[in-house]
Amino acid sequence: MTISPVDFASLLCSRLCHDLLSPVGALNNGLELLADETDPAMRDRCLELLNDSARASANKLKFFRLAFGAGGGFGDQVDTREAQVAIEGLLGDNKRLELQWLVEEPAFPKTAIKVLLNLAMIAGDALVRGGTLAIGGEDNGGVIEIVLKAEGPRVILDDELRLALIAGADGREVTPRSAAAYLVHSLAAETGGSVQVSAPADNVLLFGATLHAR
């Protein structure tokens, strides 16, 4: 199965809207409560919730801009610290999740940064009860190797995402839910690389991707 660029862009937009609906909706609800609230303590609480929702919305937008859009400028290389900040912004509010950043390279090609970010988002979602997400990557003579290890009390990766990561569309329908996984596979394949996912296990899941720098 092939998917047109326009259809894929629509799927990504659907995914973005879905992920932004919660924090933006919370902003709207908070403003409505604030307009009717007269108690000073409750108004302070409403303002605190509005601040949290605004920060979450901004962090998601920054992440999506780098993971899906033209974030990182117009150069071929992107500072890996920018990717680290984006991941911490997206997942940092999850108090049950510990992030371990093991990337020492100062920069990666844009394609590799997008693969790393999307794998981090998928791996973070797989840690449904929290845990540890270790993220590593290095450039071995022009071959970018990215590895993520998700470990926690319950790790779940839907078959739809697993198959999209490994094989892309391959006769299956791409949905907004699997759009990021399909993007990872497509970006790696375009460089002559590949994506690997470990076999299902109770408490650990490994993701790997190799890309040839261009």
Protein backbone atom coordinates (compact mmCIF):
# COMPACT_ATOMS: atom_id res chain seq x y z
CA MET A 1 0.00 0.00 0.00
CA THR A 2 1.21 3.50 -0.82
CA ILE A 3 -0.01 6.73 0.72
CA SER A 4 0.05 10.10 -0.98
CA PRO A 5 1.91 13.04 0.64
CA VAL A 6 -1.38 14.92 0.96
CA ASP A 7 -3.10 12.03 2.73
CA PHE A 8 -0.13 11.54 5.03
CA ALA A 9 -0.07 15.26 5.88
CA SER A 10 -3.77 14.96 6.78
CA LEU A 11 -3.01 12.02 9.09
CA LEU A 12 -0.27 13.97 10.84
CA CYS A 13 -2.59 16.95 11.26
CA SER A 14 -5.18 14.66 12.82
CA ARG A 15 -2.56 13.34 15.23
CA LEU A 16 -1.48 16.88 16.18
CA CYS A 17 -5.05 18.01 16.75
CA HIS A 18 -5.73 14.96 18.93
CA ASP A 19 -2.65 15.55 21.10
CA LEU A 20 -3.29 19.28 21.46
CA LEU A 21 -6.99 18.95 22.23
CA SER A 22 -6.48 18.17 25.93
CA PRO A 23 -4.19 21.08 26.96
CA VAL A 24 -6.00 23.60 24.73
CA GLY A 25 -9.37 22.41 26.03
CA ALA A 26 -8.08 22.79 29.58
CA LEU A 27 -7.11 26.39 28.77
CA ASN A 28 -10.62 27.12 27.57
CA ASN A 29 -12.21 25.51 30.61
CA GLY A 30 -9.87 27.36 32.95
CA LEU A 31 -10.73 30.70 31.38
CA GLU A 32 -14.44 29.99 31.77
CA LEU A 33 -13.97 29.09 35.43
CA LEU A 34 -11.82 32.15 36.03
CA ALA A 35 -14.48 34.44 34.57
CA ASP A 36 -17.11 33.18 37.06
CA GLU A 37 -14.88 32.70 40.12
CA THR A 38 -14.70 35.36 42.85
CA ASP A 39 -12.91 33.47 45.62
CA PRO A 40 -9.22 34.60 45.65
CA ALA A 41 -7.88 31.14 46.50
CA MET A 42 -9.86 29.52 43.71
CA ARG A 43 -8.79 32.21 41.25
CA ASP A 44 -5.17 31.49 42.16
CA ARG A 45 -5.80 27.79 41.55
CA CYS A 46 -7.41 28.55 38.17
CA LEU A 47 -4.40 30.66 37.19
CA GLU A 48 -2.08 27.82 38.21
CA LEU A 49 -4.01 25.37 36.04
CA LEU A 50 -4.00 27.84 33.14
CA ASN A 51 -0.25 28.21 33.45
CA ASP A 52 0.23 24.42 33.43
CA SER A 53 -2.01 24.01 30.37
CA ALA A 54 -0.28 26.85 28.52
CA ARG A 55 3.15 25.33 29.23
CA ALA A 56 2.01 21.88 28.10
CA SER A 57 0.57 23.32 24.88
CA ALA A 58 3.76 25.24 24.13
CA ASN A 59 5.95 22.21 24.84
CA LYS A 60 3.87 20.01 22.53
CA LEU A 61 4.00 22.59 19.75
CA LYS A 62 7.78 22.94 20.06
CA PHE A 63 8.18 19.17 19.94
CA PHE A 64 5.85 18.72 16.95
CA ARG A 65 7.57 21.53 15.05
CA LEU A 66 10.89 19.72 15.34
CA ALA A 67 9.53 16.17 14.98
CA PHE A 68 7.16 16.79 12.07
CA GLY A 69 7.90 20.23 10.68
CA ALA A 70 10.81 22.43 9.65
CA GLY A 71 12.13 23.09 13.14
CA GLY A 72 15.88 23.42 13.64
CA GLY A 73 16.39 25.99 10.88
CA PHE A 74 17.26 25.41 7.26
CA GLY A 75 20.63 23.69 7.69
CA ASP A 76 21.25 19.99 7.23
CA GLN A 77 22.34 19.48 10.86
CA VAL A 78 20.36 20.03 14.07
CA ASP A 79 21.86 20.49 17.52
CA THR A 80 21.08 17.37 19.55
CA ARG A 81 20.54 19.55 22.62
CA GLU A 82 17.50 21.00 20.85
CA ALA A 83 16.11 17.47 20.52
CA GLN A 84 16.82 16.80 24.20
CA VAL A 85 14.96 19.94 25.28
CA ALA A 86 12.01 19.01 23.04
CA ILE A 87 11.77 15.51 24.51
CA GLU A 88 12.07 16.79 28.07
CA GLY A 89 9.33 19.31 27.35
CA LEU A 90 7.01 16.66 25.94
CA LEU A 91 7.59 13.95 28.55
CA GLY A 92 9.01 15.85 31.52
CA ASP A 93 5.65 16.48 33.21
CA ASN A 94 5.18 12.74 33.66
CA LYS A 95 6.51 12.35 37.20
CA ARG A 96 6.54 8.56 36.85
CA LEU A 97 8.90 8.71 33.90
CA GLU A 98 12.68 9.08 34.20
CA LEU A 99 14.54 10.27 31.11
CA GLN A 100 18.16 9.32 30.50
CA TRP A 101 19.87 11.26 27.70
CA LEU A 102 22.90 9.32 26.43
CA VAL A 103 23.55 11.15 23.16
CA GLU A 104 27.03 12.71 23.07
CA GLU A 105 27.09 13.78 19.42
CA PRO A 106 26.73 17.59 19.13
CA ALA A 107 24.53 17.39 16.03
CA PHE A 108 22.65 14.96 13.81
CA PRO A 109 21.15 15.29 10.33
CA LYS A 110 17.56 16.54 10.39
CA THR A 111 16.25 13.16 9.31
CA ALA A 112 17.95 11.43 12.24
CA ILE A 113 16.60 14.03 14.67
CA LYS A 114 13.05 13.42 13.44
CA VAL A 115 13.49 9.66 13.81
CA LEU A 116 14.89 10.07 17.32
CA LEU A 117 12.07 12.39 18.41
CA ASN A 118 9.29 10.23 17.04
CA LEU A 119 10.76 7.08 18.54
CA ALA A 120 11.00 8.87 21.90
CA MET A 121 7.33 9.85 21.69
CA ILE A 122 6.29 6.29 20.80
CA ALA A 123 8.49 4.79 23.53
CA GLY A 124 7.18 7.26 26.10
CA ASP A 125 3.59 6.35 25.26
CA ALA A 126 4.48 2.65 25.61
CA LEU A 127 5.44 3.20 29.27
CA VAL A 128 1.82 3.25 30.40
CA ARG A 129 2.72 3.09 34.12
CA GLY A 130 5.91 5.08 33.92
CA GLY A 131 9.46 3.82 34.16
CA THR A 132 12.78 4.71 32.55
CA LEU A 133 13.40 5.84 29.00
CA ALA A 134 17.05 5.79 27.94
CA ILE A 135 17.89 7.50 24.64
CA GLY A 136 21.20 7.00 22.86
CA GLY A 137 22.65 7.74 19.46
CA GLU A 138 25.97 8.04 17.69
CA ASP A 139 27.52 8.59 14.28
CA ASN A 140 29.65 5.63 13.21
CA GLY A 141 31.43 6.81 10.11
CA GLY A 142 28.37 8.27 8.45
CA VAL A 143 25.91 5.68 9.75
CA ILE A 144 23.67 7.14 12.45
CA GLU A 145 22.66 4.56 15.06
CA ILE A 146 19.78 5.40 17.40
CA VAL A 147 18.77 3.19 20.32
CA LEU A 148 16.01 3.65 22.90
CA LYS A 149 15.27 1.43 25.89
CA ALA A 150 11.87 1.68 27.57
CA GLU A 151 11.72 -0.14 30.89
CA GLY A 152 8.89 -0.11 33.42
CA PRO A 153 6.26 -2.11 35.28
CA ARG A 154 4.07 -2.29 32.16
CA VAL A 155 5.26 -1.65 28.62
CA ILE A 156 2.74 -1.88 25.76
CA LEU A 157 3.32 -1.30 22.06
CA ASP A 158 0.31 -1.94 19.83
CA ASP A 159 0.87 -4.29 16.90
CA GLU A 160 -0.29 -1.48 14.58
CA LEU A 161 2.64 0.69 15.67
CA ARG A 162 5.13 -2.18 15.74
CA LEU A 163 4.31 -3.20 12.17
CA ALA A 164 4.35 0.40 10.92
CA LEU A 165 7.80 0.94 12.45
CA ILE A 166 9.26 -2.20 10.92
CA ALA A 167 7.45 -2.46 7.59
CA GLY A 168 5.74 0.87 6.95
CA ALA A 169 2.36 0.56 5.23
CA ASP A 170 3.04 -2.80 3.54
CA GLY A 171 -0.58 -3.39 2.55
CA ARG A 172 -2.04 -1.93 5.75
CA GLU A 173 -3.92 1.29 6.34
CA VAL A 174 -1.99 4.12 7.96
CA THR A 175 -4.03 5.86 10.66
CA PRO A 176 -3.43 9.02 12.71
CA ARG A 177 -2.35 6.73 15.54
CA SER A 178 0.33 5.01 13.42
CA ALA A 179 1.37 8.11 11.45
CA ALA A 180 4.46 8.80 13.57
CA ALA A 181 5.58 5.16 13.32
CA TYR A 182 5.09 5.22 9.56
CA LEU A 183 7.13 8.44 9.39
CA VAL A 184 10.01 6.81 11.30
CA HIS A 185 10.06 3.85 8.92
CA SER A 186 9.85 6.05 5.83
CA LEU A 187 12.61 8.42 6.91
CA ALA A 188 14.97 5.57 7.76
CA ALA A 189 14.17 3.72 4.53
CA GLU A 190 14.84 6.85 2.44
CA THR A 191 18.45 6.84 3.66
CA GLY A 192 18.89 3.10 3.06
CA GLY A 193 18.49 2.37 6.77
CA SER A 194 16.02 0.38 8.84
CA VAL A 195 14.10 0.25 12.11
CA GLN A 196 14.12 -2.57 14.65
CA VAL A 197 11.82 -3.28 17.60
CA SER A 198 12.47 -5.99 20.17
CA ALA A 199 10.08 -8.86 20.74
CA PRO A 200 7.27 -8.19 23.24
CA ALA A 201 8.35 -8.52 26.86
CA ASP A 202 6.74 -7.80 30.22
CA ASN A 203 8.84 -4.84 31.29
CA VAL A 204 11.34 -3.80 28.63
CA LEU A 205 11.20 -2.70 25.01
CA LEU A 206 14.08 -1.77 22.71
CA PHE A 207 13.88 0.43 19.63
CA GLY A 208 16.70 0.79 17.15
CA ALA A 209 17.18 2.71 13.91
CA THR A 210 20.07 3.03 11.49
CA LEU A 211 20.29 5.83 8.96
CA HIS A 212 22.93 6.66 6.40
CA ALA A 213 23.93 10.30 6.70
CA ARG A 214 23.33 12.33 3.54
